[in-house]
N, C-alpha and C. Protein backbone atom coordinates (compact mmCIF):
# COMPACT_ATOMS: atom_id res chain seq x y z
N MET A 1 -22.72 -92.47 94.94
CA MET A 1 -21.43 -91.81 94.89
C MET A 1 -21.62 -90.32 94.65
N VAL A 2 -20.81 -89.52 95.29
CA VAL A 2 -20.90 -88.07 95.19
C VAL A 2 -20.05 -87.59 94.02
N SER A 3 -20.67 -86.77 93.16
CA SER A 3 -19.93 -86.23 92.01
C SER A 3 -19.10 -85.03 92.44
N TRP A 4 -18.17 -84.63 91.58
CA TRP A 4 -17.31 -83.47 91.87
C TRP A 4 -18.14 -82.19 91.97
N SER A 5 -19.15 -82.06 91.14
CA SER A 5 -19.97 -80.84 91.19
C SER A 5 -20.75 -80.76 92.50
N GLU A 6 -21.26 -81.89 92.97
CA GLU A 6 -21.96 -81.89 94.26
C GLU A 6 -21.01 -81.57 95.40
N LEU A 7 -19.81 -82.11 95.32
CA LEU A 7 -18.80 -81.84 96.34
C LEU A 7 -18.41 -80.36 96.33
N GLY A 8 -18.30 -79.79 95.15
CA GLY A 8 -17.98 -78.35 95.02
C GLY A 8 -19.09 -77.49 95.60
N ILE A 9 -20.34 -77.85 95.33
CA ILE A 9 -21.48 -77.10 95.87
C ILE A 9 -21.51 -77.21 97.38
N LEU A 10 -21.27 -78.40 97.90
CA LEU A 10 -21.24 -78.61 99.34
C LEU A 10 -20.12 -77.78 100.00
N ALA A 11 -18.96 -77.74 99.37
CA ALA A 11 -17.84 -76.95 99.89
C ALA A 11 -18.17 -75.45 99.86
N ALA A 12 -18.82 -74.99 98.79
CA ALA A 12 -19.19 -73.58 98.70
C ALA A 12 -20.21 -73.21 99.78
N VAL A 13 -21.20 -74.08 100.00
CA VAL A 13 -22.20 -73.83 101.04
C VAL A 13 -21.53 -73.80 102.42
N ALA A 14 -20.59 -74.71 102.64
CA ALA A 14 -19.87 -74.74 103.92
C ALA A 14 -19.06 -73.46 104.12
N CYS A 15 -18.43 -72.96 103.08
CA CYS A 15 -17.65 -71.70 103.18
C CYS A 15 -18.55 -70.51 103.47
N VAL A 16 -19.69 -70.44 102.81
CA VAL A 16 -20.64 -69.35 103.06
C VAL A 16 -21.16 -69.42 104.49
N ALA A 17 -21.50 -70.62 104.95
CA ALA A 17 -21.99 -70.78 106.32
C ALA A 17 -20.92 -70.38 107.33
N ALA A 18 -19.67 -70.75 107.10
CA ALA A 18 -18.58 -70.38 108.00
C ALA A 18 -18.39 -68.86 108.01
N PHE A 19 -18.49 -68.22 106.85
CA PHE A 19 -18.35 -66.76 106.77
C PHE A 19 -19.47 -66.06 107.54
N VAL A 20 -20.70 -66.53 107.36
CA VAL A 20 -21.84 -65.93 108.06
C VAL A 20 -21.70 -66.13 109.56
N TRP A 21 -21.31 -67.32 110.00
CA TRP A 21 -21.12 -67.60 111.42
C TRP A 21 -20.05 -66.68 112.00
N ASP A 22 -18.93 -66.55 111.30
CA ASP A 22 -17.84 -65.69 111.77
C ASP A 22 -18.29 -64.23 111.81
N SER A 23 -19.03 -63.79 110.81
CA SER A 23 -19.53 -62.41 110.77
C SER A 23 -20.45 -62.11 111.94
N LEU A 24 -21.28 -63.07 112.31
CA LEU A 24 -22.18 -62.88 113.45
C LEU A 24 -21.37 -62.79 114.75
N ARG A 25 -20.34 -63.60 114.89
CA ARG A 25 -19.49 -63.55 116.09
C ARG A 25 -18.74 -62.23 116.18
N VAL A 26 -18.23 -61.74 115.05
CA VAL A 26 -17.51 -60.46 115.06
C VAL A 26 -18.48 -59.32 115.36
N ARG A 27 -19.67 -59.38 114.81
CA ARG A 27 -20.67 -58.34 115.08
C ARG A 27 -21.03 -58.31 116.57
N GLU A 28 -21.17 -59.48 117.17
CA GLU A 28 -21.45 -59.53 118.61
C GLU A 28 -20.28 -58.99 119.42
N ALA A 29 -19.05 -59.25 118.96
CA ALA A 29 -17.87 -58.68 119.63
C ALA A 29 -17.90 -57.16 119.53
N ALA A 30 -18.31 -56.62 118.38
CA ALA A 30 -18.41 -55.17 118.21
C ALA A 30 -19.49 -54.60 119.13
N ASN A 31 -20.63 -55.28 119.22
CA ASN A 31 -21.70 -54.84 120.13
C ASN A 31 -21.21 -54.81 121.58
N ASP A 32 -20.52 -55.87 122.00
CA ASP A 32 -20.00 -55.93 123.37
C ASP A 32 -19.00 -54.81 123.63
N ALA A 33 -18.11 -54.59 122.66
CA ALA A 33 -17.11 -53.52 122.81
C ALA A 33 -17.79 -52.16 122.92
N MET A 34 -18.85 -51.94 122.15
CA MET A 34 -19.54 -50.65 122.21
C MET A 34 -20.30 -50.49 123.52
N ARG A 35 -20.92 -51.55 124.01
CA ARG A 35 -21.60 -51.46 125.31
C ARG A 35 -20.61 -51.06 126.40
N ARG A 36 -19.45 -51.72 126.41
CA ARG A 36 -18.42 -51.40 127.42
C ARG A 36 -17.90 -49.98 127.25
N ALA A 37 -17.63 -49.57 126.01
CA ALA A 37 -17.10 -48.22 125.76
C ALA A 37 -18.11 -47.15 126.17
N CYS A 38 -19.37 -47.37 125.87
CA CYS A 38 -20.40 -46.40 126.27
C CYS A 38 -20.56 -46.37 127.78
N GLU A 39 -20.48 -47.53 128.41
CA GLU A 39 -20.60 -47.59 129.86
C GLU A 39 -19.45 -46.82 130.54
N VAL A 40 -18.23 -47.03 130.06
CA VAL A 40 -17.06 -46.34 130.62
C VAL A 40 -17.17 -44.83 130.43
N ARG A 41 -17.66 -44.40 129.27
CA ARG A 41 -17.76 -42.97 128.97
C ARG A 41 -19.08 -42.36 129.45
N ARG A 42 -19.90 -43.19 130.07
CA ARG A 42 -21.21 -42.76 130.58
C ARG A 42 -22.09 -42.22 129.45
N LEU A 43 -22.14 -42.96 128.35
CA LEU A 43 -22.95 -42.62 127.19
C LEU A 43 -24.05 -43.66 127.04
N PHE A 44 -25.06 -43.32 126.25
CA PHE A 44 -26.14 -44.25 125.93
C PHE A 44 -25.84 -44.88 124.57
N PHE A 45 -25.79 -46.21 124.50
CA PHE A 45 -25.61 -46.94 123.25
C PHE A 45 -26.99 -47.14 122.65
N LEU A 46 -27.36 -46.32 121.68
CA LEU A 46 -28.71 -46.34 121.11
C LEU A 46 -28.89 -47.54 120.18
N ASP A 47 -30.10 -48.00 120.08
CA ASP A 47 -30.50 -49.12 119.22
C ASP A 47 -29.83 -50.43 119.65
N ASP A 48 -28.90 -50.38 120.57
CA ASP A 48 -28.21 -51.56 121.14
C ASP A 48 -27.63 -52.47 120.07
N THR A 49 -27.18 -51.90 118.95
CA THR A 49 -26.57 -52.71 117.90
C THR A 49 -25.69 -51.85 117.01
N VAL A 50 -24.82 -52.52 116.27
CA VAL A 50 -23.97 -51.87 115.28
C VAL A 50 -24.42 -52.32 113.90
N ALA A 51 -24.10 -51.52 112.89
CA ALA A 51 -24.47 -51.85 111.51
C ALA A 51 -23.21 -51.90 110.65
N LEU A 52 -23.05 -52.95 109.88
CA LEU A 52 -21.87 -53.12 109.04
C LEU A 52 -21.81 -52.02 107.98
N GLU A 53 -20.69 -51.32 107.94
CA GLU A 53 -20.48 -50.27 106.94
C GLU A 53 -19.59 -50.77 105.81
N SER A 54 -18.51 -51.49 106.15
CA SER A 54 -17.63 -52.01 105.11
C SER A 54 -16.88 -53.24 105.62
N ILE A 55 -16.45 -54.05 104.66
CA ILE A 55 -15.65 -55.22 104.97
C ILE A 55 -14.60 -55.35 103.86
N ALA A 56 -13.35 -55.56 104.27
CA ALA A 56 -12.27 -55.63 103.29
C ALA A 56 -11.13 -56.49 103.84
N PRO A 57 -10.40 -57.16 102.96
CA PRO A 57 -9.23 -57.89 103.43
C PRO A 57 -8.14 -56.91 103.84
N ALA A 58 -7.41 -57.27 104.89
CA ALA A 58 -6.32 -56.42 105.38
C ALA A 58 -5.33 -57.29 106.14
N ARG A 59 -4.14 -56.77 106.35
CA ARG A 59 -3.12 -57.49 107.12
C ARG A 59 -3.13 -57.00 108.55
N ASP A 60 -3.05 -57.95 109.49
CA ASP A 60 -2.99 -57.57 110.90
C ASP A 60 -1.55 -57.21 111.29
N ASP A 61 -1.30 -56.98 112.57
CA ASP A 61 0.01 -56.56 113.05
C ASP A 61 1.10 -57.60 112.78
N GLU A 62 0.72 -58.86 112.67
CA GLU A 62 1.69 -59.92 112.43
C GLU A 62 1.81 -60.27 110.95
N GLY A 63 1.15 -59.51 110.09
CA GLY A 63 1.25 -59.71 108.65
C GLY A 63 0.31 -60.74 108.07
N ARG A 64 -0.57 -61.31 108.89
CA ARG A 64 -1.52 -62.31 108.39
C ARG A 64 -2.73 -61.62 107.76
N MET A 65 -3.26 -62.25 106.72
CA MET A 65 -4.47 -61.73 106.08
C MET A 65 -5.67 -62.01 106.96
N THR A 66 -6.48 -60.99 107.16
CA THR A 66 -7.72 -61.12 107.92
C THR A 66 -8.73 -60.15 107.32
N LEU A 67 -9.92 -60.13 107.86
CA LEU A 67 -10.94 -59.20 107.37
C LEU A 67 -11.04 -58.01 108.32
N ARG A 68 -11.04 -56.82 107.74
CA ARG A 68 -11.26 -55.60 108.50
C ARG A 68 -12.71 -55.21 108.31
N ARG A 69 -13.44 -55.15 109.41
CA ARG A 69 -14.85 -54.79 109.36
C ARG A 69 -15.05 -53.46 110.07
N ARG A 70 -15.79 -52.57 109.44
CA ARG A 70 -16.10 -51.27 110.04
C ARG A 70 -17.61 -51.21 110.24
N TYR A 71 -18.00 -50.88 111.48
CA TYR A 71 -19.41 -50.80 111.86
C TYR A 71 -19.76 -49.39 112.28
N ARG A 72 -20.98 -48.97 111.99
CA ARG A 72 -21.53 -47.70 112.47
C ARG A 72 -22.45 -47.99 113.63
N PHE A 73 -22.62 -46.99 114.49
CA PHE A 73 -23.55 -47.13 115.60
C PHE A 73 -24.01 -45.74 116.00
N ALA A 74 -25.06 -45.71 116.80
CA ALA A 74 -25.59 -44.45 117.30
C ALA A 74 -25.46 -44.44 118.82
N TYR A 75 -25.15 -43.28 119.35
CA TYR A 75 -25.05 -43.12 120.80
C TYR A 75 -25.54 -41.74 121.17
N SER A 76 -25.73 -41.52 122.46
CA SER A 76 -26.18 -40.23 122.95
C SER A 76 -25.42 -39.91 124.23
N ASP A 77 -25.11 -38.64 124.40
CA ASP A 77 -24.45 -38.23 125.64
C ASP A 77 -25.45 -37.64 126.64
N THR A 78 -26.61 -37.25 126.16
CA THR A 78 -27.62 -36.66 127.05
C THR A 78 -28.90 -37.48 127.12
N GLY A 79 -29.11 -38.35 126.17
CA GLY A 79 -30.38 -39.07 126.07
C GLY A 79 -31.39 -38.31 125.23
N HIS A 80 -31.02 -37.10 124.81
CA HIS A 80 -31.93 -36.26 124.01
C HIS A 80 -31.37 -35.95 122.64
N ASN A 81 -30.25 -36.54 122.30
CA ASN A 81 -29.65 -36.31 120.99
C ASN A 81 -29.18 -37.64 120.42
N ARG A 82 -28.75 -37.60 119.20
CA ARG A 82 -28.28 -38.81 118.52
C ARG A 82 -26.98 -38.45 117.82
N ARG A 83 -25.91 -39.20 118.14
CA ARG A 83 -24.62 -38.98 117.52
C ARG A 83 -24.16 -40.26 116.86
N ARG A 84 -23.27 -40.12 115.90
CA ARG A 84 -22.76 -41.29 115.17
C ARG A 84 -21.35 -41.62 115.61
N GLY A 85 -21.05 -42.89 115.56
CA GLY A 85 -19.71 -43.35 115.84
C GLY A 85 -19.39 -44.53 114.95
N GLU A 86 -18.12 -44.90 114.92
CA GLU A 86 -17.68 -46.04 114.13
C GLU A 86 -16.70 -46.86 114.94
N ILE A 87 -16.74 -48.16 114.74
CA ILE A 87 -15.80 -49.08 115.38
C ILE A 87 -15.25 -49.98 114.29
N THR A 88 -13.93 -50.20 114.32
CA THR A 88 -13.25 -51.03 113.33
C THR A 88 -12.64 -52.24 114.03
N LEU A 89 -12.87 -53.40 113.46
CA LEU A 89 -12.30 -54.63 114.01
C LEU A 89 -11.47 -55.33 112.94
N MET A 90 -10.35 -55.88 113.38
CA MET A 90 -9.52 -56.75 112.54
C MET A 90 -9.69 -58.14 113.13
N GLY A 91 -10.35 -59.01 112.41
CA GLY A 91 -10.73 -60.28 113.03
C GLY A 91 -11.74 -59.96 114.11
N ARG A 92 -11.45 -60.37 115.35
CA ARG A 92 -12.34 -60.04 116.47
C ARG A 92 -11.73 -58.99 117.40
N ARG A 93 -10.64 -58.38 116.98
CA ARG A 93 -9.94 -57.41 117.82
C ARG A 93 -10.31 -55.98 117.40
N VAL A 94 -10.68 -55.17 118.38
CA VAL A 94 -11.02 -53.77 118.11
C VAL A 94 -9.72 -53.01 117.85
N VAL A 95 -9.65 -52.32 116.71
CA VAL A 95 -8.46 -51.55 116.39
C VAL A 95 -8.73 -50.05 116.36
N ALA A 96 -9.99 -49.64 116.27
CA ALA A 96 -10.31 -48.21 116.25
C ALA A 96 -11.73 -47.99 116.74
N LEU A 97 -11.90 -46.89 117.47
CA LEU A 97 -13.21 -46.45 117.93
C LEU A 97 -13.27 -44.95 117.71
N GLU A 98 -14.22 -44.51 116.92
CA GLU A 98 -14.34 -43.09 116.60
C GLU A 98 -15.71 -42.59 117.03
N LEU A 99 -15.70 -41.51 117.81
CA LEU A 99 -16.94 -40.86 118.24
C LEU A 99 -16.96 -39.46 117.66
N GLU A 100 -18.16 -38.96 117.37
CA GLU A 100 -18.27 -37.58 116.89
C GLU A 100 -17.64 -36.65 117.92
N ASP A 101 -16.92 -35.66 117.46
CA ASP A 101 -16.24 -34.76 118.39
C ASP A 101 -16.94 -33.41 118.53
N GLU A 102 -18.24 -33.43 118.36
CA GLU A 102 -19.01 -32.21 118.59
C GLU A 102 -19.00 -31.90 120.08
N PRO A 103 -19.10 -30.64 120.44
CA PRO A 103 -19.18 -30.32 121.87
C PRO A 103 -20.48 -30.87 122.45
N LEU A 104 -20.44 -31.21 123.72
CA LEU A 104 -21.63 -31.70 124.38
C LEU A 104 -22.70 -30.62 124.39
N GLU A 105 -23.94 -31.02 124.16
CA GLU A 105 -25.04 -30.07 124.22
C GLU A 105 -25.31 -29.70 125.67
N PRO A 106 -25.77 -28.50 125.92
CA PRO A 106 -26.08 -28.14 127.31
C PRO A 106 -27.19 -29.03 127.86
N LYS A 107 -27.09 -29.32 129.14
CA LYS A 107 -28.07 -30.18 129.80
C LYS A 107 -29.39 -29.43 129.95
N PRO A 108 -30.50 -29.97 129.40
CA PRO A 108 -31.79 -29.33 129.59
C PRO A 108 -32.18 -29.37 131.07
N ALA A 109 -32.87 -28.35 131.52
CA ALA A 109 -33.28 -28.26 132.92
C ALA A 109 -34.12 -29.46 133.31
N GLY A 110 -33.77 -30.09 134.43
CA GLY A 110 -34.57 -31.18 134.97
C GLY A 110 -34.31 -32.53 134.34
N THR A 111 -33.29 -32.65 133.48
CA THR A 111 -33.00 -33.94 132.87
C THR A 111 -31.60 -34.40 133.28
N ALA A 112 -31.41 -35.69 133.30
CA ALA A 112 -30.11 -36.25 133.65
C ALA A 112 -29.36 -36.63 132.38
N PRO A 113 -28.10 -36.20 132.23
CA PRO A 113 -27.36 -36.54 131.03
C PRO A 113 -26.84 -37.96 131.03
N TYR A 114 -26.75 -38.57 132.19
CA TYR A 114 -26.19 -39.91 132.28
C TYR A 114 -27.13 -40.83 133.04
N ARG A 115 -26.98 -42.10 132.81
CA ARG A 115 -27.84 -43.09 133.43
C ARG A 115 -27.80 -43.05 134.95
N ASP A 116 -26.66 -42.76 135.55
CA ASP A 116 -26.49 -42.87 136.99
C ASP A 116 -27.08 -41.70 137.77
N GLU A 117 -27.34 -40.60 137.11
CA GLU A 117 -27.84 -39.43 137.81
C GLU A 117 -29.37 -39.43 137.81
N PRO A 118 -29.99 -39.12 138.95
CA PRO A 118 -31.45 -39.08 138.99
C PRO A 118 -31.98 -37.82 138.33
N VAL A 119 -33.17 -37.93 137.78
CA VAL A 119 -33.84 -36.75 137.24
C VAL A 119 -34.51 -36.05 138.40
N VAL A 120 -34.23 -34.76 138.55
CA VAL A 120 -34.76 -33.99 139.66
C VAL A 120 -35.79 -33.02 139.11
N ALA A 121 -37.01 -33.16 139.56
CA ALA A 121 -38.07 -32.25 139.12
C ALA A 121 -37.87 -30.91 139.80
N GLU A 122 -38.05 -29.84 139.02
CA GLU A 122 -37.84 -28.50 139.56
C GLU A 122 -39.03 -27.99 140.35
N SER A 123 -40.21 -28.45 140.00
CA SER A 123 -41.40 -28.01 140.72
C SER A 123 -42.46 -29.09 140.63
N SER A 124 -43.45 -29.01 141.49
CA SER A 124 -44.56 -29.95 141.40
C SER A 124 -45.85 -29.15 141.32
N ASP A 125 -46.09 -28.65 140.13
CA ASP A 125 -47.31 -27.87 139.91
C ASP A 125 -48.37 -28.76 139.27
N ALA A 126 -49.34 -28.16 138.62
CA ALA A 126 -50.44 -28.92 138.02
C ALA A 126 -50.00 -29.78 136.85
N SER A 127 -48.76 -29.57 136.37
CA SER A 127 -48.28 -30.37 135.24
C SER A 127 -47.77 -31.72 135.69
N GLY A 128 -47.88 -32.04 136.99
CA GLY A 128 -47.43 -33.33 137.48
C GLY A 128 -45.96 -33.35 137.82
N GLY A 129 -45.35 -32.17 137.92
CA GLY A 129 -43.96 -32.10 138.29
C GLY A 129 -42.99 -32.36 137.14
N VAL A 130 -43.50 -32.35 135.91
CA VAL A 130 -42.65 -32.58 134.76
C VAL A 130 -42.18 -31.24 134.22
N PRO A 131 -40.90 -30.93 134.31
CA PRO A 131 -40.40 -29.65 133.83
C PRO A 131 -40.67 -29.46 132.36
N GLY A 132 -41.01 -28.27 131.97
CA GLY A 132 -41.24 -27.94 130.57
C GLY A 132 -42.62 -28.29 130.07
N ARG A 133 -43.46 -28.90 130.87
CA ARG A 133 -44.80 -29.25 130.44
C ARG A 133 -45.76 -28.22 131.01
N ASP A 134 -46.50 -27.57 130.15
CA ASP A 134 -47.46 -26.55 130.60
C ASP A 134 -48.70 -27.23 131.13
N SER A 135 -49.26 -26.65 132.18
CA SER A 135 -50.52 -27.20 132.70
C SER A 135 -51.68 -26.69 131.86
N VAL A 136 -52.66 -27.53 131.69
CA VAL A 136 -53.82 -27.18 130.90
C VAL A 136 -54.98 -26.91 131.87
N ASN A 137 -55.53 -25.73 131.79
CA ASN A 137 -56.67 -25.38 132.67
C ASN A 137 -57.88 -25.10 131.84
C-alpha cells in the first residue's frame, strides 16, 4: 500500500517533470521564433539558442495565470559583430521581441553582410584573393 508521504513525493516529482517538459517546449518555441525573425530580417542568429533570463507568473490577455519567460540571445547583422536581443513569451506565445537599436556597422570591404549575398574578392594577389590579408614574401 502506498503511504501519503510517498504519494506526495510522487506528485511533487510529477509536477517538476511537467514543469521541465513545458520549459523545454517553450524554449524550443523561442528558438524557432528567433530563427524565423532573424531570417525575415536577414540577420544571423548566433549560437542557435536562447538563454533564460527570467521567469515569473503573469496574466495573459484573457486574464488567465501563465508564466512569462524572457530569453536573451545573440545575433549579428554583418557576421562580424555580436548584438544582444531579448524575446518574451507568455505561455508559448511570443509577446515581445527586442533587438539592440545601434546603427548598423559599415560593411567591411569584400564581406557580405547577409547570408544571401556572395562574398566578392576585390583582387587575386599572392594572398589568395582574401581581402585584408597581406602577402608574406
